[in-house]
Structures are given as structure tokens and as C-alpha cells.
PDB file of N, CA and C in Angstrom:
ATOM      1  N   UNK A   1      26.986  35.673  11.512  1.00  0.00           N
ATOM      2  CA  UNK A   1      27.314  36.921  12.167  1.00  0.00           C
ATOM      3  C   UNK A   1      28.834  36.986  12.260  1.00  0.00           C
ATOM      4  N   UNK A   2      29.389  38.136  11.930  1.00  0.00           N
ATOM      5  CA  UNK A   2      30.841  38.258  11.918  1.00  0.00           C
ATOM      6  C   UNK A   2      31.389  38.372  13.336  1.00  0.00           C
ATOM      7  N   UNK A   3      32.640  38.024  13.468  1.00  0.00           N
ATOM      8  CA  UNK A   3      33.301  38.076  14.769  1.00  0.00           C
ATOM      9  C   UNK A   3      33.396  39.525  15.255  1.00  0.00           C
ATOM     10  N   UNK A   4      33.635  40.467  14.349  1.00  0.00           N
ATOM     11  CA  UNK A   4      33.729  41.875  14.730  1.00  0.00           C
ATOM     12  C   UNK A   4      32.404  42.374  15.288  1.00  0.00           C
ATOM     13  N   UNK A   5      31.301  41.989  14.665  1.00  0.00           N
ATOM     14  CA  UNK A   5      29.981  42.401  15.149  1.00  0.00           C
ATOM     15  C   UNK A   5      29.701  41.813  16.531  1.00  0.00           C
ATOM     16  N   UNK A   6      30.043  40.542  16.737  1.00  0.00           N
ATOM     17  CA  UNK A   6      29.840  39.910  18.050  1.00  0.00           C
ATOM     18  C   UNK A   6      30.677  40.609  19.116  1.00  0.00           C
ATOM     19  N   UNK A   7      31.910  40.960  18.770  1.00  0.00           N
ATOM     20  CA  UNK A   7      32.760  41.661  19.738  1.00  0.00           C
ATOM     21  C   UNK A   7      32.179  43.038  20.083  1.00  0.00           C
ATOM     22  N   UNK A   8      31.704  43.745  19.072  1.00  0.00           N
ATOM     23  CA  UNK A   8      31.106  45.056  19.295  1.00  0.00           C
ATOM     24  C   UNK A   8      29.851  44.938  20.162  1.00  0.00           C
ATOM     25  N   UNK A   9      29.026  43.953  19.889  1.00  0.00           N
ATOM     26  CA  UNK A   9      27.812  43.739  20.681  1.00  0.00           C
ATOM     27  C   UNK A   9      28.172  43.386  22.118  1.00  0.00           C
ATOM     28  N   UNK A  10      29.192  42.583  22.318  1.00  0.00           N
ATOM     29  CA  UNK A  10      29.620  42.210  23.672  1.00  0.00           C
ATOM     30  C   UNK A  10      30.127  43.430  24.433  1.00  0.00           C
ATOM     31  N   UNK A  11      30.897  44.273  23.775  1.00  0.00           N
ATOM     32  CA  UNK A  11      31.414  45.479  24.421  1.00  0.00           C
ATOM     33  C   UNK A  11      30.265  46.424  24.772  1.00  0.00           C
ATOM     34  N   UNK A  12      29.292  46.569  23.891  1.00  0.00           N
ATOM     35  CA  UNK A  12      28.142  47.440  24.145  1.00  0.00           C
ATOM     36  C   UNK A  12      27.338  46.931  25.342  1.00  0.00           C
ATOM     37  N   UNK A  13      27.116  45.635  25.419  1.00  0.00           N
ATOM     38  CA  UNK A  13      26.366  45.059  26.547  1.00  0.00           C
ATOM     39  C   UNK A  13      27.132  45.240  27.850  1.00  0.00           C
ATOM     40  N   UNK A  14      28.435  45.029  27.815  1.00  0.00           N
ATOM     41  CA  UNK A  14      29.257  45.191  29.008  1.00  0.00           C
ATOM     42  C   UNK A  14      29.234  46.644  29.473  1.00  0.00           C
ATOM     43  N   UNK A  15      29.331  47.576  28.549  1.00  0.00           N
ATOM     44  CA  UNK A  15      29.289  48.998  28.899  1.00  0.00           C
ATOM     45  C   UNK A  15      27.956  49.358  29.535  1.00  0.00           C
ATOM     46  N   UNK A  16      26.871  48.821  29.013  1.00  0.00           N
ATOM     47  CA  UNK A  16      25.547  49.087  29.569  1.00  0.00           C
ATOM     48  C   UNK A  16      25.432  48.550  30.988  1.00  0.00           C
ATOM     49  N   UNK A  17      25.925  47.354  31.215  1.00  0.00           N
ATOM     50  CA  UNK A  17      25.859  46.746  32.551  1.00  0.00           C
ATOM     51  C   UNK A  17      26.715  47.524  33.533  1.00  0.00           C
ATOM     52  N   UNK A  18      27.911  47.926  33.121  1.00  0.00           N
ATOM     53  CA  UNK A  18      28.802  48.636  34.027  1.00  0.00           C
ATOM     54  C   UNK A  18      28.341  50.056  34.316  1.00  0.00           C
ATOM     55  N   UNK A  19      27.770  50.725  33.338  1.00  0.00           N
ATOM     56  CA  UNK A  19      27.362  52.111  33.542  1.00  0.00           C
ATOM     57  C   UNK A  19      25.987  52.217  34.182  1.00  0.00           C
ATOM     58  N   UNK A  20      25.172  51.212  34.055  1.00  0.00           N
ATOM     59  CA  UNK A  20      23.835  51.244  34.625  1.00  0.00           C
ATOM     60  C   UNK A  20      22.859  51.923  33.692  1.00  0.00           C
ATOM     61  N   UNK A  21      21.631  51.900  34.099  1.00  0.00           N
ATOM     62  CA  UNK A  21      20.575  52.487  33.293  1.00  0.00           C
ATOM     63  C   UNK A  21      19.733  53.359  34.214  1.00  0.00           C
ATOM     64  N   UNK A  22      19.399  54.557  33.758  1.00  0.00           N
ATOM     65  CA  UNK A  22      18.632  55.481  34.572  1.00  0.00           C
ATOM     66  C   UNK A  22      17.442  55.969  33.750  1.00  0.00           C
ATOM     67  N   UNK A  23      16.287  55.984  34.373  1.00  0.00           N
ATOM     68  CA  UNK A  23      15.091  56.529  33.736  1.00  0.00           C
ATOM     69  C   UNK A  23      14.339  57.372  34.749  1.00  0.00           C
ATOM     70  N   UNK A  24      13.737  58.472  34.305  1.00  0.00           N
ATOM     71  CA  UNK A  24      13.037  59.379  35.207  1.00  0.00           C
ATOM     72  C   UNK A  24      11.677  59.752  34.625  1.00  0.00           C
ATOM     73  N   UNK A  25      10.684  59.839  35.504  1.00  0.00           N
ATOM     74  CA  UNK A  25       9.360  60.320  35.127  1.00  0.00           C
ATOM     75  C   UNK A  25       8.949  61.356  36.162  1.00  0.00           C
ATOM     76  N   UNK A  26       8.300  62.418  35.720  1.00  0.00           N
ATOM     77  CA  UNK A  26       7.933  63.463  36.660  1.00  0.00           C
ATOM     78  C   UNK A  26       6.575  64.066  36.368  1.00  0.00           C
ATOM     79  N   UNK A  27       6.072  64.786  37.382  1.00  0.00           N
ATOM     80  CA  UNK A  27       4.800  65.481  37.248  1.00  0.00           C
ATOM     81  C   UNK A  27       4.920  66.810  37.990  1.00  0.00           C
ATOM     82  N   UNK A  28       4.238  67.821  37.483  1.00  0.00           N
ATOM     83  CA  UNK A  28       4.261  69.128  38.116  1.00  0.00           C
ATOM     84  C   UNK A  28       2.847  69.709  38.079  1.00  0.00           C
ATOM     85  N   UNK A  29       2.432  70.287  39.189  1.00  0.00           N
ATOM     86  CA  UNK A  29       1.130  70.962  39.238  1.00  0.00           C
ATOM     87  C   UNK A  29       1.338  72.369  39.787  1.00  0.00           C
ATOM     88  N   UNK A  30       0.419  73.255  39.462  1.00  0.00           N
ATOM     89  CA  UNK A  30       0.536  74.659  39.822  1.00  0.00           C
ATOM     90  C   UNK A  30      -0.819  75.171  40.275  1.00  0.00           C
ATOM     91  N   UNK A  31      -0.819  75.969  41.332  1.00  0.00           N
ATOM     92  CA  UNK A  31      -2.056  76.556  41.847  1.00  0.00           C
ATOM     93  C   UNK A  31      -1.784  78.030  42.158  1.00  0.00           C
ATOM     94  N   UNK A  32      -2.699  78.892  41.776  1.00  0.00           N
ATOM     95  CA  UNK A  32      -2.541  80.335  42.003  1.00  0.00           C
ATOM     96  C   UNK A  32      -3.818  80.884  42.623  1.00  0.00           C
ATOM     97  N   UNK A  33      -3.642  81.739  43.622  1.00  0.00           N
ATOM     98  CA  UNK A  33      -4.792  82.352  44.279  1.00  0.00           C
ATOM     99  C   UNK A  33      -4.437  83.816  44.567  1.00  0.00           C
ATOM    100  N   UNK A  34      -5.383  84.701  44.347  1.00  0.00           N
ATOM    101  CA  UNK A  34      -5.131  86.109  44.659  1.00  0.00           C
ATOM    102  C   UNK A  34      -6.394  86.761  45.184  1.00  0.00           C
ATOM    103  N   UNK A  35      -6.205  87.859  45.842  1.00  0.00           N
ATOM    104  CA  UNK A  35      -7.312  88.629  46.386  1.00  0.00           C
ATOM    105  C   UNK A  35      -6.818  90.033  46.661  1.00  0.00           C
ATOM    106  N   UNK A  36      -7.621  90.840  47.324  1.00  0.00           N
ATOM    107  CA  UNK A  36      -7.186  92.208  47.631  1.00  0.00           C
ATOM    108  C   UNK A  36      -5.942  92.193  48.525  1.00  0.00           C
ATOM    109  N   UNK A  37      -4.830  92.615  47.974  1.00  0.00           N
ATOM    110  CA  UNK A  37      -3.604  92.746  48.760  1.00  0.00           C
ATOM    111  C   UNK A  37      -2.753  91.508  48.899  1.00  0.00           C
ATOM    112  N   UNK A  38      -3.073  90.407  48.229  1.00  0.00           N
ATOM    113  CA  UNK A  38      -2.222  89.225  48.371  1.00  0.00           C
ATOM    114  C   UNK A  38      -2.231  88.370  47.109  1.00  0.00           C
ATOM    115  N   UNK A  39      -1.175  87.586  46.956  1.00  0.00           N
ATOM    116  CA  UNK A  39      -1.058  86.558  45.913  1.00  0.00           C
ATOM    117  C   UNK A  39      -0.378  85.352  46.542  1.00  0.00           C
ATOM    118  N   UNK A  40      -0.861  84.174  46.220  1.00  0.00           N
ATOM    119  CA  UNK A  40      -0.234  82.942  46.682  1.00  0.00           C
ATOM    120  C   UNK A  40      -0.115  81.988  45.503  1.00  0.00           C
ATOM    121  N   UNK A  41       1.058  81.441  45.322  1.00  0.00           N
ATOM    122  CA  UNK A  41       1.306  80.470  44.262  1.00  0.00           C
ATOM    123  C   UNK A  41       1.915  79.221  44.902  1.00  0.00           C
ATOM    124  N   UNK A  42       1.406  78.063  44.530  1.00  0.00           N
ATOM    125  CA  UNK A  42       1.903  76.791  45.057  1.00  0.00           C
ATOM    126  C   UNK A  42       2.259  75.892  43.870  1.00  0.00           C
ATOM    127  N   UNK A  43       3.498  75.400  43.865  1.00  0.00           N
ATOM    128  CA  UNK A  43       3.979  74.531  42.794  1.00  0.00           C
ATOM    129  C   UNK A  43       4.441  73.226  43.418  1.00  0.00           C
ATOM    130  N   UNK A  44       3.940  72.109  42.888  1.00  0.00           N
ATOM    131  CA  UNK A  44       4.343  70.771  43.341  1.00  0.00           C
ATOM    132  C   UNK A  44       5.082  70.091  42.195  1.00  0.00           C
ATOM    133  N   UNK A  45       6.294  69.633  42.466  1.00  0.00           N
ATOM    134  CA  UNK A  45       7.086  68.875  41.499  1.00  0.00           C
ATOM    135  C   UNK A  45       7.412  67.524  42.120  1.00  0.00           C
ATOM    136  N   UNK A  46       7.081  66.462  41.430  1.00  0.00           N
ATOM    137  CA  UNK A  46       7.397  65.127  41.913  1.00  0.00           C
ATOM    138  C   UNK A  46       8.045  64.311  40.814  1.00  0.00           C
ATOM    139  N   UNK A  47       8.987  63.470  41.185  1.00  0.00           N
ATOM    140  CA  UNK A  47       9.637  62.624  40.190  1.00  0.00           C
ATOM    141  C   UNK A  47       9.963  61.268  40.784  1.00  0.00           C
ATOM    142  N   UNK A  48       9.972  60.272  39.908  1.00  0.00           N
ATOM    143  CA  UNK A  48      10.373  58.914  40.263  1.00  0.00           C
ATOM    144  C   UNK A  48      11.524  58.565  39.334  1.00  0.00           C
ATOM    145  N   UNK A  49      12.586  58.025  39.910  1.00  0.00           N
ATOM    146  CA  UNK A  49      13.753  57.664  39.119  1.00  0.00           C
ATOM    147  C   UNK A  49      14.052  56.187  39.325  1.00  0.00           C
ATOM    148  N   UNK A  50      14.271  55.500  38.216  1.00  0.00           N
ATOM    149  CA  UNK A  50      14.675  54.092  38.256  1.00  0.00           C
ATOM    150  C   UNK A  50      16.147  54.035  37.882  1.00  0.00           C
ATOM    151  N   UNK A  51      16.949  53.511  38.773  1.00  0.00           N
ATOM    152  CA  UNK A  51      18.395  53.437  38.581  1.00  0.00           C
ATOM    153  C   UNK A  51      18.838  52.018  38.915  1.00  0.00           C
ATOM    154  N   UNK A  52      19.623  51.425  38.033  1.00  0.00           N
ATOM    155  CA  UNK A  52      20.032  50.030  38.271  1.00  0.00           C
ATOM    156  C   UNK A  52      20.886  49.895  39.520  1.00  0.00           C
ATOM    157  N   UNK A  53      21.581  50.937  39.934  1.00  0.00           N
ATOM    158  CA  UNK A  53      22.427  50.824  41.123  1.00  0.00           C
ATOM    159  C   UNK A  53      21.687  51.158  42.419  1.00  0.00           C
ATOM    160  N   UNK A  54      20.630  52.014  42.351  1.00  0.00           N
ATOM    161  CA  UNK A  54      19.923  52.427  43.565  1.00  0.00           C
ATOM    162  C   UNK A  54      18.484  51.950  43.618  1.00  0.00           C
ATOM    163  N   UNK A  55      17.975  51.368  42.565  1.00  0.00           N
ATOM    164  CA  UNK A  55      16.573  50.956  42.526  1.00  0.00           C
ATOM    165  C   UNK A  55      15.671  52.138  42.250  1.00  0.00           C
ATOM    166  N   UNK A  56      14.448  52.087  42.768  1.00  0.00           N
ATOM    167  CA  UNK A  56      13.487  53.179  42.583  1.00  0.00           C
ATOM    168  C   UNK A  56      13.665  54.219  43.679  1.00  0.00           C
ATOM    169  N   UNK A  57      13.737  55.479  43.289  1.00  0.00           N
ATOM    170  CA  UNK A  57      13.793  56.571  44.249  1.00  0.00           C
ATOM    171  C   UNK A  57      12.713  57.583  43.882  1.00  0.00           C
ATOM    172  N   UNK A  58      12.283  58.340  44.876  1.00  0.00           N
ATOM    173  CA  UNK A  58      11.223  59.325  44.671  1.00  0.00           C
ATOM    174  C   UNK A  58      11.632  60.625  45.322  1.00  0.00           C
ATOM    175  N   UNK A  59      11.308  61.733  44.685  1.00  0.00           N
ATOM    176  CA  UNK A  59      11.519  63.047  45.277  1.00  0.00           C
ATOM    177  C   UNK A  59      10.300  63.905  44.978  1.00  0.00           C
ATOM    178  N   UNK A  60       9.850  64.623  45.990  1.00  0.00           N
ATOM    179  CA  UNK A  60       8.704  65.526  45.827  1.00  0.00           C
ATOM    180  C   UNK A  60       9.042  66.853  46.497  1.00  0.00           C
ATOM    181  N   UNK A  61       8.839  67.942  45.774  1.00  0.00           N
ATOM    182  CA  UNK A  61       9.100  69.283  46.304  1.00  0.00           C
ATOM    183  C   UNK A  61       7.860  70.144  46.144  1.00  0.00           C
ATOM    184  N   UNK A  62       7.585  70.934  47.165  1.00  0.00           N
ATOM    185  CA  UNK A  62       6.504  71.908  47.116  1.00  0.00           C
ATOM    186  C   UNK A  62       7.096  73.283  47.393  1.00  0.00           C
ATOM    187  N   UNK A  63       6.806  74.233  46.522  1.00  0.00           N
ATOM    188  CA  UNK A  63       7.252  75.612  46.707  1.00  0.00           C
ATOM    189  C   UNK A  63       6.023  76.488  46.855  1.00  0.00           C
ATOM    190  N   UNK A  64       6.009  77.280  47.922  1.00  0.00           N
ATOM    191  CA  UNK A  64       4.913  78.215  48.166  1.00  0.00           C
ATOM    192  C   UNK A  64       5.492  79.620  48.121  1.00  0.00           C
ATOM    193  N   UNK A  65       4.926  80.463  47.252  1.00  0.00           N
ATOM    194  CA  UNK A  65       5.330  81.864  47.132  1.00  0.00           C
ATOM    195  C   UNK A  65       4.164  82.723  47.583  1.00  0.00           C
ATOM    196  N   UNK A  66       4.419  83.591  48.550  1.00  0.00           N
ATOM    197  CA  UNK A  66       3.368  84.474  49.051  1.00  0.00           C
ATOM    198  C   UNK A  66       3.811  85.924  48.886  1.00  0.00           C
ATOM    199  N   UNK A  67       2.927  86.773  48.421  1.00  0.00           N
ATOM    200  CA  UNK A  67       3.197  88.194  48.227  1.00  0.00           C
ATOM    201  C   UNK A  67       2.084  89.003  48.885  1.00  0.00           C
ATOM    202  N   UNK A  68       2.485  89.989  49.647  1.00  0.00           N
ATOM    203  CA  UNK A  68       1.552  90.950  50.241  1.00  0.00           C
ATOM    204  C   UNK A  68       1.773  92.287  49.549  1.00  0.00           C
ATOM    205  N   UNK A  69       0.711  92.906  49.121  1.00  0.00           N
ATOM    206  CA  UNK A  69       0.796  94.188  48.419  1.00  0.00           C
ATOM    207  C   UNK A  69       0.182  95.256  49.318  1.00  0.00           C
ATOM    208  N   UNK A  70       1.022  96.189  49.724  1.00  0.00           N
ATOM    209  CA  UNK A  70       0.586  97.241  50.639  1.00  0.00           C
ATOM    210  C   UNK A  70      -0.239  98.305  49.941  1.00  0.00           C
ATOM    211  N   UNK A  71      -0.882  99.192  50.721  1.00  0.00           N
ATOM    212  CA  UNK A  71      -1.742 100.234  50.162  1.00  0.00           C
ATOM    213  C   UNK A  71      -0.991 101.182  49.220  1.00  0.00           C
ATOM    214  N   UNK A  72       0.306 101.390  49.472  1.00  0.00           N
ATOM    215  CA  UNK A  72       1.083 102.301  48.620  1.00  0.00           C
ATOM    216  C   UNK A  72       1.721 101.551  47.445  1.00  0.00           C
ATOM    217  N   UNK A  73       1.436 100.253  47.328  1.00  0.00           N
ATOM    218  CA  UNK A  73       1.968  99.462  46.224  1.00  0.00           C
ATOM    219  C   UNK A  73       3.245  98.704  46.538  1.00  0.00           C
ATOM    220  N   UNK A  74       3.756  98.838  47.765  1.00  0.00           N
ATOM    221  CA  UNK A  74       4.965  98.104  48.149  1.00  0.00           C
ATOM    222  C   UNK A  74       4.642  96.610  48.233  1.00  0.00           C
ATOM    223  N   UNK A  75       5.583  95.793  47.756  1.00  0.00           N
ATOM    224  CA  UNK A  75       5.378  94.344  47.736  1.00  0.00           C
ATOM    225  C   UNK A  75       6.363  93.684  48.688  1.00  0.00           C
ATOM    226  N   UNK A  76       5.850  92.838  49.574  1.00  0.00           N
ATOM    227  CA  UNK A  76       6.689  92.036  50.475  1.00  0.00           C
ATOM    228  C   UNK A  76       6.292  90.588  50.264  1.00  0.00           C
ATOM    229  N   UNK A  77       7.250  89.713  50.327  1.00  0.00           N
ATOM    230  CA  UNK A  77       6.904  88.307  50.114  1.00  0.00           C
ATOM    231  C   UNK A  77       8.006  87.378  50.532  1.00  0.00           C
ATOM    232  N   UNK A  78       7.686  86.104  50.378  1.00  0.00           N
ATOM    233  CA  UNK A  78       8.656  85.062  50.691  1.00  0.00           C
ATOM    234  C   UNK A  78       8.350  83.831  49.875  1.00  0.00           C
ATOM    235  N   UNK A  79       9.383  83.030  49.642  1.00  0.00           N
ATOM    236  CA  UNK A  79       9.278  81.747  48.950  1.00  0.00           C
ATOM    237  C   UNK A  79       9.797  80.667  49.872  1.00  0.00           C
ATOM    238  N   UNK A  80       9.055  79.591  50.024  1.00  0.00           N
ATOM    239  CA  UNK A  80       9.457  78.472  50.863  1.00  0.00           C
ATOM    240  C   UNK A  80       9.381  77.198  50.043  1.00  0.00           C
ATOM    241  N   UNK A  81      10.481  76.448  50.020  1.00  0.00           N
ATOM    242  CA  UNK A  81      10.525  75.166  49.304  1.00  0.00           C
ATOM    243  C   UNK A  81      10.799  74.065  50.306  1.00  0.00           C
ATOM    244  N   UNK A  82      10.014  73.007  50.211  1.00  0.00           N
ATOM    245  CA  UNK A  82      10.162  71.841  51.087  1.00  0.00           C
ATOM    246  C   UNK A  82      10.238  70.601  50.205  1.00  0.00           C
ATOM    247  N   UNK A  83      11.308  69.818  50.362  1.00  0.00           N
ATOM    248  CA  UNK A  83      11.489  68.614  49.551  1.00  0.00           C
ATOM    249  C   UNK A  83      11.600  67.386  50.447  1.00  0.00           C
ATOM    250  N   UNK A  84      11.088  66.285  49.937  1.00  0.00           N
ATOM    251  CA  UNK A  84      11.192  65.000  50.611  1.00  0.00           C
ATOM    252  C   UNK A  84      11.485  63.941  49.577  1.00  0.00           C
ATOM    253  N   UNK A  85      12.250  62.966  49.937  1.00  0.00           N
ATOM    254  CA  UNK A  85      12.560  61.892  48.990  1.00  0.00           C
ATOM    255  C   UNK A  85      13.016  60.650  49.720  1.00  0.00           C
ATOM    256  N   UNK A  86      13.120  59.583  48.954  1.00  0.00           N
ATOM    257  CA  UNK A  86      13.634  58.326  49.506  1.00  0.00           C
ATOM    258  C   UNK A  86      14.369  57.588  48.439  1.00  0.00           C
TER     259      UNK A  86
END
């Protein structure tokens, strides 16, 4: 193995150690419900991240969107997002 290749490999390994390594996996689910005069949508997003500097972390968010449809067709609604992580 040449000296130049060994030096390059050493620099690459050092850069990897100093910069760290990050990997993420996630999942998302969706639920929709409707009836006379209303619509409700619920979305759950969760992810796990592996980071050499912070270890394993988790974040989960749920968003609920609700819409009310009035007799004249007017739409009123709100979106609420709640996140938790460690």
C-alpha cells in the first residue's frame, strides 16, 4: 500500500471521527374522517436519529386539522401541532 493512500485513508478516518455520523429513520401515518359539516385529519410523524455526539434522540409530532363547514358553505377551522422529543 502506498504512503499516499495510507495518508489519504488516515485523513478520511480523522474527518469522519471529528465530524461525527448521523443517521435518521422516520415513520408517518395519516387518518382522515368526515361527516355532515366537518372534516378531521390527523397526521403523526415520528423519527429516531442516531448521532455520534448526542446518541439516540427521538421526536414525535401530531398535527390535527379540523374544519367545520357551515350551511352556507363557509369553512372555519384550525390546525394544532404538538411535538415531543428527547
